[in-house]
Amino acid sequence: MISKFLNLDSDKQNRIINAAIQEFAQKGYSNASTNEIVKEAGISKGLLFHYFQNKKQLFLFLFDYCVELITVDFYKNIDLGETDFFQRIRQSVLIKMELLAQYPDIFKFVEKAYMDDAADIHAEMQKKIKELNKINIGKIYEGIDISKFREDIDIQKILKIITWTFEKMSEEELYKTKLIPGYEMDYQKIQKEAEEYFEILITCFYK
């Protein structure tokens, strides 16, 4: 069914994608209305379900679509030739901020999707998130200069501590978007906080 959607002209695809992203980003999976999506996209409900079997299939397709779009642009801009681990992480933060400015609705949808605990999508989302984390962590670590790290501490443990630190930062921000009505992530503030952690971690783990 999705193959039929992918064969549509780009204008119609974009209308449906943008309408669905906005609806899911604003209301989450459970409260999102396919009636509102088709109304905004200017198509019939029957046509939407001609392309997607149900709301769940549409949601999971959109998540994959958005993540791929962001990921392609991210790796297009990051310099994986930079071997200093912390410089590479700094690049990551800056690129993510630039992408946020470029794709605000997409980031809002992805953030919402990460935190959505609707039973209908929970298992699939957890699997997707686990796979994405494994792939991206592998790429971020690839080719880094481990000679800069202290030799008296296990490098794998160092990398885990650093990873957990920034994962926890992201996790806390995502929980705030879920628990605090109207909460918007302040990426400038996040970048500043990340820099403070960089300085501490560099002092602790570099020679």
N, C-alpha and C. Protein backbone atom coordinates (compact mmCIF):
# COMPACT_ATOMS: atom_id res chain seq x y z
N MET A 1 0.82 -1.20 0.00
CA MET A 1 0.00 0.00 0.00
C MET A 1 0.86 1.26 0.00
N ILE A 2 1.93 1.24 0.80
CA ILE A 2 2.79 2.42 0.88
C ILE A 2 3.45 2.71 -0.46
N SER A 3 3.70 1.65 -1.25
CA SER A 3 4.32 1.86 -2.56
C SER A 3 3.44 2.73 -3.44
N LYS A 4 2.12 2.64 -3.28
CA LYS A 4 1.20 3.50 -4.05
C LYS A 4 1.38 4.96 -3.65
N PHE A 5 1.58 5.18 -2.35
CA PHE A 5 1.81 6.55 -1.87
C PHE A 5 3.11 7.10 -2.44
N LEU A 6 4.16 6.27 -2.46
CA LEU A 6 5.46 6.72 -2.94
C LEU A 6 5.46 7.01 -4.44
N ASN A 7 4.45 6.49 -5.16
CA ASN A 7 4.34 6.75 -6.60
C ASN A 7 3.54 8.01 -6.91
N LEU A 8 3.00 8.66 -5.85
CA LEU A 8 2.25 9.90 -6.05
C LEU A 8 3.19 11.03 -6.48
N ASP A 9 2.64 12.07 -7.09
CA ASP A 9 3.46 13.23 -7.40
C ASP A 9 3.89 13.89 -6.09
N SER A 10 5.04 14.56 -6.12
CA SER A 10 5.65 15.07 -4.89
C SER A 10 4.76 16.09 -4.17
N ASP A 11 4.00 16.88 -4.90
CA ASP A 11 3.15 17.89 -4.27
C ASP A 11 2.10 17.23 -3.37
N LYS A 12 1.46 16.18 -3.90
CA LYS A 12 0.42 15.49 -3.13
C LYS A 12 1.03 14.76 -1.94
N GLN A 13 2.18 14.12 -2.17
CA GLN A 13 2.88 13.45 -1.06
C GLN A 13 3.18 14.43 0.06
N ASN A 14 3.72 15.60 -0.32
CA ASN A 14 4.11 16.59 0.69
C ASN A 14 2.92 17.12 1.46
N ARG A 15 1.78 17.29 0.79
CA ARG A 15 0.58 17.78 1.47
C ARG A 15 0.14 16.79 2.55
N ILE A 16 0.16 15.51 2.21
CA ILE A 16 -0.25 14.47 3.16
C ILE A 16 0.76 14.36 4.30
N ILE A 17 2.04 14.34 3.96
CA ILE A 17 3.10 14.22 4.96
C ILE A 17 3.06 15.40 5.93
N ASN A 18 2.98 16.61 5.39
CA ASN A 18 3.00 17.80 6.25
C ASN A 18 1.77 17.87 7.15
N ALA A 19 0.62 17.51 6.59
CA ALA A 19 -0.62 17.52 7.40
C ALA A 19 -0.53 16.51 8.53
N ALA A 20 -0.01 15.33 8.24
CA ALA A 20 0.10 14.27 9.25
C ALA A 20 1.14 14.62 10.31
N ILE A 21 2.27 15.16 9.89
CA ILE A 21 3.31 15.56 10.84
C ILE A 21 2.77 16.58 11.83
N GLN A 22 2.08 17.58 11.33
CA GLN A 22 1.53 18.62 12.21
C GLN A 22 0.51 18.05 13.19
N GLU A 23 -0.35 17.17 12.71
CA GLU A 23 -1.39 16.60 13.57
C GLU A 23 -0.77 15.72 14.67
N PHE A 24 0.15 14.85 14.28
CA PHE A 24 0.78 13.97 15.28
C PHE A 24 1.66 14.76 16.24
N ALA A 25 2.36 15.78 15.72
CA ALA A 25 3.24 16.58 16.56
C ALA A 25 2.45 17.36 17.62
N GLN A 26 1.28 17.82 17.25
CA GLN A 26 0.47 18.61 18.16
C GLN A 26 -0.28 17.76 19.17
N LYS A 27 -0.75 16.58 18.73
CA LYS A 27 -1.67 15.82 19.58
C LYS A 27 -1.16 14.46 20.03
N GLY A 28 -0.03 14.01 19.50
CA GLY A 28 0.43 12.67 19.82
C GLY A 28 -0.35 11.62 19.05
N TYR A 29 0.09 10.37 19.16
CA TYR A 29 -0.52 9.31 18.36
C TYR A 29 -1.99 9.09 18.70
N SER A 30 -2.30 8.90 19.97
CA SER A 30 -3.65 8.50 20.37
C SER A 30 -4.70 9.57 20.04
N ASN A 31 -4.34 10.83 20.24
CA ASN A 31 -5.32 11.91 20.05
C ASN A 31 -5.35 12.48 18.64
N ALA A 32 -4.39 12.10 17.82
CA ALA A 32 -4.37 12.60 16.43
C ALA A 32 -5.58 12.07 15.67
N SER A 33 -6.14 12.92 14.81
CA SER A 33 -7.33 12.56 14.05
C SER A 33 -7.02 12.45 12.56
N THR A 34 -7.33 11.31 11.99
CA THR A 34 -7.14 11.17 10.54
C THR A 34 -8.12 12.07 9.78
N ASN A 35 -9.26 12.40 10.42
CA ASN A 35 -10.20 13.34 9.79
C ASN A 35 -9.55 14.70 9.60
N GLU A 36 -8.78 15.14 10.61
CA GLU A 36 -8.10 16.42 10.52
C GLU A 36 -6.97 16.36 9.49
N ILE A 37 -6.30 15.22 9.43
CA ILE A 37 -5.20 15.06 8.47
C ILE A 37 -5.71 15.19 7.04
N VAL A 38 -6.79 14.46 6.72
CA VAL A 38 -7.29 14.49 5.34
C VAL A 38 -7.88 15.86 5.00
N LYS A 39 -8.47 16.50 6.01
CA LYS A 39 -9.03 17.85 5.79
C LYS A 39 -7.92 18.82 5.43
N GLU A 40 -6.83 18.78 6.20
CA GLU A 40 -5.70 19.68 5.95
C GLU A 40 -5.00 19.35 4.63
N ALA A 41 -4.92 18.05 4.31
CA ALA A 41 -4.23 17.62 3.08
C ALA A 41 -5.09 17.80 1.84
N GLY A 42 -6.40 17.99 2.03
CA GLY A 42 -7.30 18.18 0.89
C GLY A 42 -7.57 16.90 0.12
N ILE A 43 -7.66 15.77 0.86
CA ILE A 43 -7.97 14.49 0.22
C ILE A 43 -9.10 13.81 1.01
N SER A 44 -9.63 12.73 0.46
CA SER A 44 -10.67 11.99 1.17
C SER A 44 -10.03 11.00 2.14
N LYS A 45 -10.80 10.61 3.15
CA LYS A 45 -10.30 9.63 4.12
C LYS A 45 -10.07 8.28 3.45
N GLY A 46 -10.95 7.95 2.51
CA GLY A 46 -10.79 6.69 1.79
C GLY A 46 -9.49 6.64 1.02
N LEU A 47 -9.09 7.79 0.48
CA LEU A 47 -7.84 7.85 -0.28
C LEU A 47 -6.63 7.68 0.65
N LEU A 48 -6.71 8.29 1.85
CA LEU A 48 -5.61 8.14 2.80
C LEU A 48 -5.41 6.67 3.14
N PHE A 49 -6.53 5.95 3.37
CA PHE A 49 -6.43 4.54 3.74
C PHE A 49 -6.22 3.64 2.53
N HIS A 50 -6.26 4.23 1.36
CA HIS A 50 -5.83 3.52 0.15
C HIS A 50 -4.30 3.43 0.13
N TYR A 51 -3.66 4.46 0.70
CA TYR A 51 -2.19 4.52 0.74
C TYR A 51 -1.62 3.89 2.00
N PHE A 52 -2.34 4.03 3.11
CA PHE A 52 -1.88 3.50 4.40
C PHE A 52 -2.99 2.66 5.01
N GLN A 53 -2.63 1.51 5.49
CA GLN A 53 -3.62 0.56 6.00
C GLN A 53 -4.42 1.13 7.17
N ASN A 54 -3.74 1.89 8.04
CA ASN A 54 -4.40 2.46 9.21
C ASN A 54 -3.53 3.60 9.77
N LYS A 55 -3.98 4.20 10.85
CA LYS A 55 -3.25 5.32 11.46
C LYS A 55 -1.86 4.88 11.94
N LYS A 56 -1.78 3.66 12.47
CA LYS A 56 -0.50 3.14 12.96
C LYS A 56 0.53 3.06 11.83
N GLN A 57 0.13 2.52 10.70
CA GLN A 57 1.06 2.41 9.58
C GLN A 57 1.51 3.79 9.10
N LEU A 58 0.60 4.75 9.08
CA LEU A 58 0.94 6.12 8.69
C LEU A 58 1.95 6.71 9.67
N PHE A 59 1.71 6.53 10.96
CA PHE A 59 2.59 7.08 11.99
C PHE A 59 4.01 6.50 11.86
N LEU A 60 4.11 5.18 11.75
CA LEU A 60 5.42 4.53 11.67
C LEU A 60 6.15 4.91 10.38
N PHE A 61 5.40 5.05 9.29
CA PHE A 61 6.00 5.51 8.04
C PHE A 61 6.57 6.92 8.21
N LEU A 62 5.78 7.80 8.84
CA LEU A 62 6.23 9.18 9.04
C LEU A 62 7.47 9.24 9.91
N PHE A 63 7.52 8.41 10.95
CA PHE A 63 8.70 8.40 11.81
C PHE A 63 9.94 8.02 11.01
N ASP A 64 9.85 6.95 10.23
CA ASP A 64 10.99 6.52 9.40
C ASP A 64 11.37 7.61 8.39
N TYR A 65 10.36 8.24 7.78
CA TYR A 65 10.59 9.30 6.80
C TYR A 65 11.34 10.47 7.43
N CYS A 66 10.88 10.92 8.60
CA CYS A 66 11.47 12.08 9.26
C CYS A 66 12.89 11.78 9.74
N VAL A 67 13.08 10.60 10.33
CA VAL A 67 14.40 10.23 10.83
C VAL A 67 15.39 10.13 9.67
N GLU A 68 14.96 9.56 8.56
CA GLU A 68 15.86 9.44 7.41
C GLU A 68 16.24 10.81 6.87
N LEU A 69 15.27 11.71 6.77
CA LEU A 69 15.53 13.05 6.27
C LEU A 69 16.55 13.77 7.14
N ILE A 70 16.34 13.72 8.46
CA ILE A 70 17.25 14.38 9.40
C ILE A 70 18.63 13.73 9.36
N THR A 71 18.65 12.38 9.34
CA THR A 71 19.91 11.64 9.37
C THR A 71 20.77 11.92 8.14
N VAL A 72 20.14 11.93 6.98
CA VAL A 72 20.87 12.21 5.73
C VAL A 72 21.51 13.59 5.78
N ASP A 73 20.75 14.59 6.21
CA ASP A 73 21.28 15.95 6.30
C ASP A 73 22.36 16.05 7.38
N PHE A 74 22.16 15.33 8.48
CA PHE A 74 23.14 15.37 9.57
C PHE A 74 24.49 14.85 9.09
N TYR A 75 24.50 13.67 8.49
CA TYR A 75 25.77 13.08 8.07
C TYR A 75 26.37 13.75 6.83
N LYS A 76 25.56 14.52 6.15
CA LYS A 76 26.05 15.32 5.02
C LYS A 76 26.90 16.49 5.54
N ASN A 77 26.60 16.93 6.75
CA ASN A 77 27.24 18.13 7.30
C ASN A 77 28.32 17.85 8.34
N ILE A 78 28.28 16.70 8.98
CA ILE A 78 29.29 16.43 10.02
C ILE A 78 30.60 15.97 9.39
N ASP A 79 31.70 16.38 9.98
CA ASP A 79 33.03 15.99 9.50
C ASP A 79 33.51 14.79 10.30
N LEU A 80 33.34 13.60 9.74
CA LEU A 80 33.77 12.39 10.43
C LEU A 80 35.29 12.20 10.33
N GLY A 81 35.95 13.13 9.61
CA GLY A 81 37.41 13.13 9.57
C GLY A 81 37.99 13.78 10.82
N GLU A 82 37.15 14.49 11.59
CA GLU A 82 37.58 15.07 12.86
C GLU A 82 37.73 13.93 13.88
N THR A 83 38.95 13.71 14.34
CA THR A 83 39.20 12.54 15.19
C THR A 83 39.08 12.84 16.69
N ASP A 84 39.04 14.14 17.05
CA ASP A 84 38.86 14.47 18.46
C ASP A 84 37.41 14.22 18.83
N PHE A 85 37.20 13.36 19.81
CA PHE A 85 35.86 12.93 20.16
C PHE A 85 34.96 14.10 20.57
N PHE A 86 35.47 14.99 21.42
CA PHE A 86 34.63 16.07 21.91
C PHE A 86 34.35 17.12 20.83
N GLN A 87 35.29 17.32 19.93
CA GLN A 87 35.03 18.22 18.81
C GLN A 87 33.93 17.66 17.91
N ARG A 88 33.95 16.34 17.76
CA ARG A 88 32.92 15.71 16.94
C ARG A 88 31.55 15.84 17.60
N ILE A 89 31.50 15.67 18.93
CA ILE A 89 30.23 15.82 19.64
C ILE A 89 29.74 17.26 19.57
N ARG A 90 30.67 18.22 19.67
CA ARG A 90 30.30 19.64 19.53
C ARG A 90 29.67 19.89 18.16
N GLN A 91 30.30 19.33 17.14
CA GLN A 91 29.73 19.44 15.79
C GLN A 91 28.30 18.93 15.77
N SER A 92 28.09 17.77 16.40
CA SER A 92 26.77 17.15 16.41
C SER A 92 25.72 18.09 17.00
N VAL A 93 26.06 18.71 18.12
CA VAL A 93 25.11 19.63 18.78
C VAL A 93 24.78 20.80 17.87
N LEU A 94 25.81 21.40 17.23
CA LEU A 94 25.59 22.55 16.37
C LEU A 94 24.77 22.19 15.14
N ILE A 95 25.06 21.04 14.54
CA ILE A 95 24.33 20.61 13.35
C ILE A 95 22.87 20.35 13.69
N LYS A 96 22.63 19.71 14.84
CA LYS A 96 21.26 19.45 15.26
C LYS A 96 20.48 20.74 15.45
N MET A 97 21.13 21.77 15.98
CA MET A 97 20.48 23.06 16.16
C MET A 97 20.13 23.69 14.81
N GLU A 98 21.05 23.57 13.85
CA GLU A 98 20.79 24.10 12.51
C GLU A 98 19.63 23.35 11.85
N LEU A 99 19.59 22.04 12.03
CA LEU A 99 18.51 21.23 11.45
C LEU A 99 17.18 21.55 12.12
N LEU A 100 17.23 21.82 13.42
CA LEU A 100 16.01 22.20 14.13
C LEU A 100 15.40 23.47 13.53
N ALA A 101 16.27 24.44 13.23
CA ALA A 101 15.79 25.69 12.63
C ALA A 101 15.21 25.44 11.24
N GLN A 102 15.78 24.46 10.54
CA GLN A 102 15.32 24.15 9.18
C GLN A 102 14.05 23.31 9.18
N TYR A 103 13.93 22.38 10.15
CA TYR A 103 12.80 21.45 10.18
C TYR A 103 12.10 21.46 11.55
N PRO A 104 11.56 22.57 11.99
CA PRO A 104 10.98 22.62 13.34
C PRO A 104 9.83 21.64 13.55
N ASP A 105 8.93 21.51 12.56
CA ASP A 105 7.78 20.61 12.71
C ASP A 105 8.22 19.15 12.76
N ILE A 106 9.22 18.82 11.95
CA ILE A 106 9.72 17.44 11.91
C ILE A 106 10.36 17.07 13.24
N PHE A 107 11.17 17.98 13.81
CA PHE A 107 11.80 17.71 15.09
C PHE A 107 10.74 17.58 16.19
N LYS A 108 9.72 18.43 16.13
CA LYS A 108 8.67 18.35 17.14
C LYS A 108 7.96 17.01 17.06
N PHE A 109 7.71 16.54 15.84
CA PHE A 109 7.07 15.23 15.66
C PHE A 109 7.95 14.11 16.19
N VAL A 110 9.25 14.14 15.83
CA VAL A 110 10.16 13.07 16.27
C VAL A 110 10.29 13.06 17.79
N GLU A 111 10.40 14.25 18.40
CA GLU A 111 10.47 14.34 19.86
C GLU A 111 9.23 13.71 20.49
N LYS A 112 8.07 14.05 19.93
CA LYS A 112 6.80 13.53 20.45
C LYS A 112 6.74 12.01 20.27
N ALA A 113 7.21 11.54 19.12
CA ALA A 113 7.18 10.11 18.82
C ALA A 113 8.06 9.32 19.78
N TYR A 114 9.23 9.88 20.13
CA TYR A 114 10.14 9.22 21.05
C TYR A 114 9.50 9.00 22.41
N MET A 115 8.65 9.94 22.83
CA MET A 115 8.06 9.88 24.16
C MET A 115 6.67 9.26 24.18
N ASP A 116 6.12 8.98 23.01
CA ASP A 116 4.75 8.48 22.94
C ASP A 116 4.68 7.05 23.47
N ASP A 117 3.83 6.83 24.47
CA ASP A 117 3.74 5.49 25.07
C ASP A 117 2.42 4.79 24.73
N ALA A 118 1.79 5.20 23.63
CA ALA A 118 0.55 4.54 23.21
C ALA A 118 0.82 3.05 22.98
N ALA A 119 -0.03 2.21 23.53
CA ALA A 119 0.18 0.75 23.47
C ALA A 119 0.25 0.23 22.04
N ASP A 120 -0.49 0.87 21.15
CA ASP A 120 -0.57 0.41 19.76
C ASP A 120 0.77 0.48 19.03
N ILE A 121 1.62 1.44 19.42
CA ILE A 121 2.88 1.65 18.70
C ILE A 121 4.12 1.40 19.56
N HIS A 122 3.92 1.14 20.84
CA HIS A 122 5.04 1.11 21.80
C HIS A 122 6.13 0.11 21.39
N ALA A 123 5.78 -1.11 21.10
CA ALA A 123 6.78 -2.14 20.80
C ALA A 123 7.59 -1.79 19.55
N GLU A 124 6.90 -1.37 18.50
CA GLU A 124 7.59 -1.00 17.26
C GLU A 124 8.51 0.19 17.46
N MET A 125 8.04 1.20 18.22
CA MET A 125 8.85 2.39 18.45
C MET A 125 10.09 2.08 19.27
N GLN A 126 9.95 1.25 20.30
CA GLN A 126 11.10 0.89 21.12
C GLN A 126 12.16 0.17 20.29
N LYS A 127 11.71 -0.70 19.40
CA LYS A 127 12.64 -1.42 18.52
C LYS A 127 13.36 -0.46 17.58
N LYS A 128 12.61 0.46 16.98
CA LYS A 128 13.21 1.44 16.06
C LYS A 128 14.22 2.33 16.78
N ILE A 129 13.86 2.80 17.97
CA ILE A 129 14.73 3.69 18.73
C ILE A 129 16.02 2.98 19.13
N LYS A 130 15.91 1.73 19.57
CA LYS A 130 17.09 0.95 19.95
C LYS A 130 18.03 0.76 18.76
N GLU A 131 17.48 0.46 17.59
CA GLU A 131 18.29 0.26 16.39
C GLU A 131 18.97 1.56 15.97
N LEU A 132 18.23 2.67 16.03
CA LEU A 132 18.79 3.97 15.66
C LEU A 132 19.93 4.36 16.58
N ASN A 133 19.74 4.17 17.88
CA ASN A 133 20.79 4.51 18.84
C ASN A 133 22.06 3.71 18.59
N LYS A 134 21.89 2.42 18.30
CA LYS A 134 23.04 1.55 18.05
C LYS A 134 23.81 1.99 16.80
N ILE A 135 23.08 2.29 15.74
CA ILE A 135 23.70 2.72 14.48
C ILE A 135 24.42 4.05 14.65
N ASN A 136 23.75 5.03 15.26
CA ASN A 136 24.31 6.37 15.36
C ASN A 136 25.48 6.45 16.32
N ILE A 137 25.41 5.72 17.44
CA ILE A 137 26.53 5.70 18.37
C ILE A 137 27.76 5.08 17.70
N GLY A 138 27.53 4.03 16.91
CA GLY A 138 28.63 3.39 16.19
C GLY A 138 29.32 4.36 15.24
N LYS A 139 28.54 5.16 14.53
CA LYS A 139 29.10 6.11 13.57
C LYS A 139 29.83 7.26 14.26
N ILE A 140 29.25 7.75 15.37
CA ILE A 140 29.86 8.86 16.09
C ILE A 140 31.23 8.46 16.67
N TYR A 141 31.37 7.19 17.08
CA TYR A 141 32.62 6.72 17.66
C TYR A 141 33.66 6.34 16.58
N GLU A 142 33.22 6.13 15.38
CA GLU A 142 34.08 5.61 14.32
C GLU A 142 35.27 6.54 14.04
N GLY A 143 36.48 5.99 14.14
CA GLY A 143 37.68 6.73 13.76
C GLY A 143 38.16 7.75 14.77
N ILE A 144 37.64 7.77 15.99
CA ILE A 144 38.09 8.77 16.96
C ILE A 144 39.49 8.43 17.46
N ASP A 145 40.21 9.45 17.89
CA ASP A 145 41.58 9.29 18.38
C ASP A 145 41.53 8.95 19.87
N ILE A 146 41.62 7.66 20.18
CA ILE A 146 41.52 7.24 21.58
C ILE A 146 42.82 7.50 22.35
N SER A 147 43.89 7.89 21.64
CA SER A 147 45.16 8.15 22.32
C SER A 147 45.09 9.38 23.22
N LYS A 148 44.07 10.23 23.01
CA LYS A 148 43.91 11.43 23.83
C LYS A 148 43.31 11.12 25.21
N PHE A 149 42.71 9.94 25.32
CA PHE A 149 42.08 9.57 26.58
C PHE A 149 43.11 9.00 27.56
N ARG A 150 42.82 9.13 28.83
CA ARG A 150 43.68 8.57 29.87
C ARG A 150 43.82 7.06 29.70
N GLU A 151 45.01 6.57 29.98
CA GLU A 151 45.29 5.15 29.79
C GLU A 151 44.95 4.31 31.02
N ASP A 152 44.70 4.99 32.16
CA ASP A 152 44.43 4.25 33.39
C ASP A 152 42.94 3.94 33.58
N ILE A 153 42.13 4.29 32.59
CA ILE A 153 40.70 4.00 32.66
C ILE A 153 40.28 3.27 31.38
N ASP A 154 39.44 2.27 31.52
CA ASP A 154 38.94 1.50 30.38
C ASP A 154 38.21 2.43 29.39
N ILE A 155 38.68 2.48 28.15
CA ILE A 155 38.12 3.39 27.16
C ILE A 155 36.64 3.14 26.92
N GLN A 156 36.23 1.87 26.95
CA GLN A 156 34.82 1.54 26.74
C GLN A 156 33.94 2.11 27.85
N LYS A 157 34.47 2.09 29.07
CA LYS A 157 33.73 2.66 30.19
C LYS A 157 33.64 4.18 30.07
N ILE A 158 34.72 4.79 29.61
CA ILE A 158 34.72 6.25 29.40
C ILE A 158 33.65 6.63 28.38
N LEU A 159 33.63 5.91 27.26
CA LEU A 159 32.66 6.23 26.20
C LEU A 159 31.23 6.00 26.68
N LYS A 160 31.03 4.98 27.50
CA LYS A 160 29.69 4.74 28.04
C LYS A 160 29.26 5.88 28.96
N ILE A 161 30.17 6.34 29.81
CA ILE A 161 29.86 7.45 30.72
C ILE A 161 29.49 8.70 29.93
N ILE A 162 30.26 8.99 28.90
CA ILE A 162 29.98 10.17 28.07
C ILE A 162 28.64 10.02 27.36
N THR A 163 28.41 8.85 26.79
CA THR A 163 27.15 8.59 26.08
C THR A 163 25.98 8.73 27.02
N TRP A 164 26.08 8.11 28.20
CA TRP A 164 24.98 8.16 29.17
C TRP A 164 24.70 9.60 29.62
N THR A 165 25.76 10.40 29.75
CA THR A 165 25.59 11.80 30.17
C THR A 165 24.70 12.55 29.20
N PHE A 166 25.00 12.45 27.91
CA PHE A 166 24.24 13.21 26.92
C PHE A 166 22.89 12.57 26.61
N GLU A 167 22.81 11.26 26.76
CA GLU A 167 21.51 10.59 26.63
C GLU A 167 20.57 11.06 27.74
N LYS A 168 21.10 11.19 28.95
CA LYS A 168 20.29 11.63 30.09
C LYS A 168 19.82 13.07 29.90
N MET A 169 20.71 13.91 29.36
CA MET A 169 20.32 15.29 29.06
C MET A 169 19.14 15.32 28.10
N SER A 170 19.24 14.54 27.03
CA SER A 170 18.16 14.48 26.04
C SER A 170 16.89 13.92 26.64
N GLU A 171 17.06 12.87 27.45
CA GLU A 171 15.91 12.21 28.08
C GLU A 171 15.15 13.19 28.98
N GLU A 172 15.89 13.98 29.77
CA GLU A 172 15.26 14.94 30.67
C GLU A 172 14.46 15.99 29.90
N GLU A 173 15.03 16.45 28.78
CA GLU A 173 14.33 17.45 27.98
C GLU A 173 13.07 16.87 27.35
N LEU A 174 13.17 15.63 26.89
CA LEU A 174 12.00 14.98 26.29
C LEU A 174 10.89 14.78 27.31
N TYR A 175 11.25 14.42 28.53
CA TYR A 175 10.24 14.25 29.58
C TYR A 175 9.55 15.58 29.89
N LYS A 176 10.31 16.66 29.86
CA LYS A 176 9.73 17.98 30.11
C LYS A 176 8.69 18.32 29.04
N THR A 177 8.98 17.97 27.78
CA THR A 177 8.02 18.26 26.71
C THR A 177 6.74 17.47 26.91
N LYS A 178 6.86 16.31 27.56
CA LYS A 178 5.69 15.47 27.79
C LYS A 178 4.90 15.91 29.02
N LEU A 179 5.61 16.30 30.07
CA LEU A 179 4.97 16.55 31.36
C LEU A 179 4.55 18.00 31.58
N ILE A 180 5.24 18.94 30.92
CA ILE A 180 4.94 20.36 31.15
C ILE A 180 4.17 20.91 29.95
N PRO A 181 2.91 21.27 30.12
CA PRO A 181 2.10 21.79 29.00
C PRO A 181 2.76 23.01 28.34
N GLY A 182 2.87 22.96 27.02
CA GLY A 182 3.42 24.09 26.28
C GLY A 182 4.93 24.22 26.35
N TYR A 183 5.61 23.23 26.95
CA TYR A 183 7.07 23.33 27.09
C TYR A 183 7.74 23.19 25.72
N GLU A 184 8.68 24.09 25.42
CA GLU A 184 9.44 24.05 24.18
C GLU A 184 10.92 23.91 24.52
N MET A 185 11.60 23.02 23.83
CA MET A 185 13.04 22.86 24.07
C MET A 185 13.79 24.14 23.70
N ASP A 186 14.69 24.56 24.58
CA ASP A 186 15.56 25.71 24.35
C ASP A 186 16.92 25.18 23.93
N TYR A 187 17.16 25.10 22.62
CA TYR A 187 18.38 24.46 22.14
C TYR A 187 19.62 25.28 22.43
N GLN A 188 19.48 26.60 22.54
CA GLN A 188 20.62 27.43 22.94
C GLN A 188 21.05 27.08 24.36
N LYS A 189 20.08 26.92 25.23
CA LYS A 189 20.35 26.56 26.62
C LYS A 189 20.96 25.16 26.69
N ILE A 190 20.44 24.24 25.88
CA ILE A 190 20.96 22.87 25.86
C ILE A 190 22.42 22.87 25.40
N GLN A 191 22.72 23.68 24.37
CA GLN A 191 24.10 23.75 23.88
C GLN A 191 25.04 24.28 24.96
N LYS A 192 24.57 25.31 25.68
CA LYS A 192 25.40 25.88 26.75
C LYS A 192 25.66 24.86 27.84
N GLU A 193 24.62 24.11 28.22
CA GLU A 193 24.76 23.08 29.24
C GLU A 193 25.70 21.97 28.77
N ALA A 194 25.57 21.61 27.48
CA ALA A 194 26.44 20.58 26.91
C ALA A 194 27.90 21.01 26.98
N GLU A 195 28.17 22.29 26.70
CA GLU A 195 29.54 22.81 26.76
C GLU A 195 30.12 22.68 28.17
N GLU A 196 29.28 22.91 29.17
CA GLU A 196 29.74 22.79 30.56
C GLU A 196 30.13 21.34 30.86
N TYR A 197 29.32 20.40 30.35
CA TYR A 197 29.65 18.99 30.54
C TYR A 197 30.91 18.61 29.76
N PHE A 198 31.07 19.18 28.55
CA PHE A 198 32.27 18.90 27.76
C PHE A 198 33.52 19.23 28.57
N GLU A 199 33.54 20.41 29.18
CA GLU A 199 34.72 20.86 29.93
C GLU A 199 35.02 19.92 31.09
N ILE A 200 33.99 19.50 31.79
CA ILE A 200 34.17 18.57 32.92
C ILE A 200 34.70 17.23 32.44
N LEU A 201 34.09 16.70 31.37
CA LEU A 201 34.46 15.37 30.87
C LEU A 201 35.86 15.37 30.26
N ILE A 202 36.20 16.47 29.57
CA ILE A 202 37.56 16.57 29.01
C ILE A 202 38.60 16.57 30.13
N THR A 203 38.33 17.33 31.19
CA THR A 203 39.23 17.38 32.33
C THR A 203 39.39 16.00 32.99
N CYS A 204 38.27 15.29 33.07
CA CYS A 204 38.28 13.97 33.73
C CYS A 204 38.97 12.89 32.90
N PHE A 205 38.76 12.90 31.59
CA PHE A 205 39.12 11.74 30.78
C PHE A 205 40.24 11.95 29.77
N TYR A 206 40.60 13.19 29.47
CA TYR A 206 41.73 13.41 28.58
C TYR A 206 43.04 13.50 29.39
N LYS A 207 44.13 13.18 28.76
CA LYS A 207 45.45 13.24 29.43
C LYS A 207 45.79 14.69 29.75
